Amino acid sequence: QKLTDDFTKANPDIQLNWVTLEENVLRERVTTDIATKGGQYDVLTIGTYEVPIWAKQSWLLPLEKLGDDYDVKDIIPA
């Protein structure tokens, strides 16, 4: 959320809607959306609980396999 101002200045035509939910509600909604390919979320974070589950479902991909046009260096380090 700290980058919101910078992002909206650079992209005035895009509206950001931050959604904060309780962990169990968030987990259920996001997992359902990903499983059904709903496309409700453009950006999300997942925790260590979800990683092995999502990987088993092939919902995660190594960033290196996204192609030359994807700039992995553009990702902000944790």
N, C-alpha and C. Protein backbone atom coordinates (compact mmCIF):
# COMPACT_ATOMS: atom_id res chain seq x y z
N GLN A 1 0.82 -1.19 0.00
CA GLN A 1 0.00 0.00 0.00
C GLN A 1 0.86 1.25 0.00
N LYS A 2 2.11 1.11 0.41
CA LYS A 2 3.00 2.27 0.43
C LYS A 2 3.27 2.80 -0.97
N LEU A 3 3.10 1.98 -1.98
CA LEU A 3 3.38 2.40 -3.35
C LEU A 3 2.15 2.92 -4.09
N THR A 4 1.02 3.01 -3.41
CA THR A 4 -0.22 3.42 -4.05
C THR A 4 -0.11 4.78 -4.71
N ASP A 5 0.40 5.78 -4.01
CA ASP A 5 0.49 7.13 -4.58
C ASP A 5 1.34 7.15 -5.84
N ASP A 6 2.49 6.51 -5.79
CA ASP A 6 3.36 6.46 -6.97
C ASP A 6 2.66 5.76 -8.13
N PHE A 7 1.97 4.67 -7.83
CA PHE A 7 1.29 3.91 -8.88
C PHE A 7 0.16 4.73 -9.51
N THR A 8 -0.67 5.35 -8.69
CA THR A 8 -1.80 6.09 -9.23
C THR A 8 -1.36 7.34 -9.99
N LYS A 9 -0.25 7.94 -9.60
CA LYS A 9 0.28 9.07 -10.37
C LYS A 9 0.74 8.61 -11.75
N ALA A 10 1.36 7.46 -11.81
CA ALA A 10 1.86 6.94 -13.08
C ALA A 10 0.76 6.29 -13.92
N ASN A 11 -0.36 5.90 -13.27
CA ASN A 11 -1.46 5.20 -13.95
C ASN A 11 -2.80 5.78 -13.52
N PRO A 12 -3.10 7.02 -13.89
CA PRO A 12 -4.33 7.66 -13.41
C PRO A 12 -5.61 7.00 -13.89
N ASP A 13 -5.53 6.18 -14.92
CA ASP A 13 -6.72 5.51 -15.45
C ASP A 13 -7.03 4.19 -14.75
N ILE A 14 -6.18 3.80 -13.80
CA ILE A 14 -6.39 2.55 -13.07
C ILE A 14 -6.78 2.87 -11.63
N GLN A 15 -7.88 2.29 -11.19
CA GLN A 15 -8.34 2.49 -9.81
C GLN A 15 -7.91 1.30 -8.96
N LEU A 16 -7.27 1.59 -7.84
CA LEU A 16 -6.86 0.54 -6.90
C LEU A 16 -7.90 0.39 -5.81
N ASN A 17 -8.25 -0.83 -5.52
CA ASN A 17 -9.15 -1.13 -4.41
C ASN A 17 -8.45 -2.12 -3.50
N TRP A 18 -7.98 -1.65 -2.37
CA TRP A 18 -7.32 -2.52 -1.40
C TRP A 18 -8.39 -3.24 -0.59
N VAL A 19 -8.27 -4.54 -0.49
CA VAL A 19 -9.22 -5.35 0.27
C VAL A 19 -8.44 -6.07 1.37
N THR A 20 -8.84 -5.83 2.61
CA THR A 20 -8.23 -6.51 3.75
C THR A 20 -9.30 -7.36 4.41
N LEU A 21 -9.03 -8.63 4.54
CA LEU A 21 -10.01 -9.56 5.10
C LEU A 21 -9.37 -10.39 6.20
N GLU A 22 -10.21 -10.98 7.04
CA GLU A 22 -9.71 -11.94 8.02
C GLU A 22 -9.07 -13.10 7.27
N GLU A 23 -8.07 -13.71 7.87
CA GLU A 23 -7.28 -14.72 7.18
C GLU A 23 -8.12 -15.85 6.60
N ASN A 24 -9.05 -16.39 7.38
CA ASN A 24 -9.84 -17.52 6.88
C ASN A 24 -10.76 -17.11 5.73
N VAL A 25 -11.31 -15.91 5.79
CA VAL A 25 -12.18 -15.41 4.72
C VAL A 25 -11.35 -15.16 3.46
N LEU A 26 -10.20 -14.53 3.65
CA LEU A 26 -9.31 -14.27 2.53
C LEU A 26 -8.89 -15.57 1.85
N ARG A 27 -8.46 -16.53 2.64
CA ARG A 27 -8.00 -17.82 2.09
C ARG A 27 -9.11 -18.47 1.27
N GLU A 28 -10.32 -18.48 1.79
CA GLU A 28 -11.44 -19.11 1.07
C GLU A 28 -11.75 -18.38 -0.23
N ARG A 29 -11.85 -17.06 -0.17
CA ARG A 29 -12.20 -16.28 -1.37
C ARG A 29 -11.14 -16.37 -2.46
N VAL A 30 -9.90 -16.21 -2.06
CA VAL A 30 -8.82 -16.23 -3.05
C VAL A 30 -8.66 -17.62 -3.65
N THR A 31 -8.70 -18.65 -2.83
CA THR A 31 -8.56 -20.01 -3.34
C THR A 31 -9.70 -20.35 -4.29
N THR A 32 -10.91 -19.97 -3.95
CA THR A 32 -12.05 -20.22 -4.83
C THR A 32 -11.88 -19.48 -6.15
N ASP A 33 -11.44 -18.23 -6.08
CA ASP A 33 -11.26 -17.44 -7.30
C ASP A 33 -10.20 -18.05 -8.21
N ILE A 34 -9.09 -18.46 -7.62
CA ILE A 34 -8.01 -19.06 -8.41
C ILE A 34 -8.47 -20.40 -8.99
N ALA A 35 -9.13 -21.22 -8.19
CA ALA A 35 -9.57 -22.55 -8.63
C ALA A 35 -10.57 -22.46 -9.78
N THR A 36 -11.42 -21.45 -9.76
CA THR A 36 -12.45 -21.31 -10.79
C THR A 36 -12.02 -20.38 -11.92
N LYS A 37 -10.78 -19.87 -11.83
CA LYS A 37 -10.26 -18.92 -12.82
C LYS A 37 -11.16 -17.70 -12.93
N GLY A 38 -11.64 -17.26 -11.77
CA GLY A 38 -12.56 -16.13 -11.73
C GLY A 38 -11.94 -14.81 -12.15
N GLY A 39 -10.67 -14.61 -11.85
CA GLY A 39 -10.00 -13.38 -12.26
C GLY A 39 -10.37 -12.15 -11.47
N GLN A 40 -10.88 -12.33 -10.26
CA GLN A 40 -11.29 -11.20 -9.44
C GLN A 40 -10.11 -10.37 -8.96
N TYR A 41 -8.96 -11.00 -8.79
CA TYR A 41 -7.80 -10.31 -8.22
C TYR A 41 -6.70 -10.18 -9.27
N ASP A 42 -6.15 -8.98 -9.39
CA ASP A 42 -5.01 -8.76 -10.28
C ASP A 42 -3.69 -9.03 -9.56
N VAL A 43 -3.65 -8.68 -8.29
CA VAL A 43 -2.44 -8.85 -7.48
C VAL A 43 -2.86 -9.40 -6.13
N LEU A 44 -2.12 -10.37 -5.62
CA LEU A 44 -2.41 -10.90 -4.30
C LEU A 44 -1.14 -11.48 -3.71
N THR A 45 -1.17 -11.67 -2.42
CA THR A 45 -0.06 -12.33 -1.75
C THR A 45 -0.60 -13.60 -1.11
N ILE A 46 0.25 -14.60 -1.06
CA ILE A 46 -0.12 -15.83 -0.38
C ILE A 46 0.96 -16.17 0.62
N GLY A 47 0.60 -16.98 1.58
CA GLY A 47 1.54 -17.35 2.63
C GLY A 47 2.13 -18.72 2.41
N THR A 48 2.96 -19.11 3.34
CA THR A 48 3.63 -20.41 3.23
C THR A 48 2.66 -21.58 3.30
N TYR A 49 1.49 -21.36 3.87
CA TYR A 49 0.48 -22.42 3.92
C TYR A 49 -0.02 -22.75 2.51
N GLU A 50 -0.27 -21.71 1.71
CA GLU A 50 -0.84 -21.91 0.39
C GLU A 50 0.16 -22.43 -0.64
N VAL A 51 1.43 -22.07 -0.51
CA VAL A 51 2.41 -22.38 -1.56
C VAL A 51 2.41 -23.85 -1.96
N PRO A 52 2.57 -24.81 -1.05
CA PRO A 52 2.59 -26.21 -1.50
C PRO A 52 1.25 -26.68 -2.07
N ILE A 53 0.17 -26.17 -1.53
CA ILE A 53 -1.17 -26.55 -2.02
C ILE A 53 -1.37 -26.03 -3.44
N TRP A 54 -1.06 -24.77 -3.64
CA TRP A 54 -1.24 -24.16 -4.96
C TRP A 54 -0.26 -24.74 -5.97
N ALA A 55 0.95 -25.03 -5.55
CA ALA A 55 1.93 -25.62 -6.46
C ALA A 55 1.45 -26.99 -6.95
N LYS A 56 0.89 -27.77 -6.05
CA LYS A 56 0.37 -29.10 -6.42
C LYS A 56 -0.75 -28.98 -7.46
N GLN A 57 -1.49 -27.90 -7.42
CA GLN A 57 -2.58 -27.66 -8.37
C GLN A 57 -2.09 -26.99 -9.67
N SER A 58 -0.79 -26.72 -9.74
CA SER A 58 -0.18 -26.01 -10.88
C SER A 58 -0.71 -24.59 -11.02
N TRP A 59 -1.03 -23.97 -9.90
CA TRP A 59 -1.49 -22.58 -9.90
C TRP A 59 -0.32 -21.61 -9.78
N LEU A 60 0.87 -22.13 -9.53
CA LEU A 60 2.07 -21.29 -9.40
C LEU A 60 3.06 -21.69 -10.48
N LEU A 61 3.77 -20.69 -10.98
CA LEU A 61 4.79 -20.94 -11.98
C LEU A 61 6.09 -20.27 -11.57
N PRO A 62 7.22 -20.87 -11.91
CA PRO A 62 8.48 -20.18 -11.65
C PRO A 62 8.54 -18.90 -12.49
N LEU A 63 8.98 -17.82 -11.92
CA LEU A 63 9.03 -16.56 -12.64
C LEU A 63 9.95 -16.63 -13.85
N GLU A 64 10.97 -17.47 -13.78
CA GLU A 64 11.91 -17.59 -14.89
C GLU A 64 11.26 -18.13 -16.15
N LYS A 65 10.12 -18.78 -16.02
CA LYS A 65 9.46 -19.38 -17.18
C LYS A 65 8.38 -18.48 -17.79
N LEU A 66 8.35 -17.22 -17.41
CA LEU A 66 7.31 -16.32 -17.91
C LEU A 66 7.68 -15.65 -19.22
N GLY A 67 8.85 -15.90 -19.73
CA GLY A 67 9.24 -15.35 -21.02
C GLY A 67 10.14 -14.14 -20.91
N ASP A 68 10.78 -13.82 -22.01
CA ASP A 68 11.74 -12.72 -22.03
C ASP A 68 11.09 -11.36 -21.82
N ASP A 69 9.81 -11.23 -22.15
CA ASP A 69 9.15 -9.93 -22.00
C ASP A 69 8.74 -9.65 -20.55
N TYR A 70 8.87 -10.63 -19.66
CA TYR A 70 8.55 -10.43 -18.25
C TYR A 70 9.82 -10.05 -17.51
N ASP A 71 9.83 -8.88 -16.90
CA ASP A 71 11.01 -8.36 -16.22
C ASP A 71 11.02 -8.78 -14.76
N VAL A 72 11.66 -9.89 -14.46
CA VAL A 72 11.74 -10.40 -13.09
C VAL A 72 12.44 -9.40 -12.18
N LYS A 73 13.36 -8.63 -12.72
CA LYS A 73 14.08 -7.63 -11.93
C LYS A 73 13.18 -6.49 -11.47
N ASP A 74 11.98 -6.40 -12.05
CA ASP A 74 11.03 -5.35 -11.68
C ASP A 74 10.32 -5.66 -10.36
N ILE A 75 10.47 -6.86 -9.85
CA ILE A 75 9.82 -7.26 -8.61
C ILE A 75 10.56 -6.65 -7.43
N ILE A 76 9.82 -6.06 -6.52
CA ILE A 76 10.40 -5.45 -5.33
C ILE A 76 10.78 -6.56 -4.36
N PRO A 77 12.03 -6.59 -3.90
CA PRO A 77 12.46 -7.64 -2.97
C PRO A 77 11.65 -7.62 -1.67
N ALA A 78 11.51 -8.79 -1.07
CA ALA A 78 10.78 -8.90 0.20
C ALA A 78 11.56 -8.25 1.31
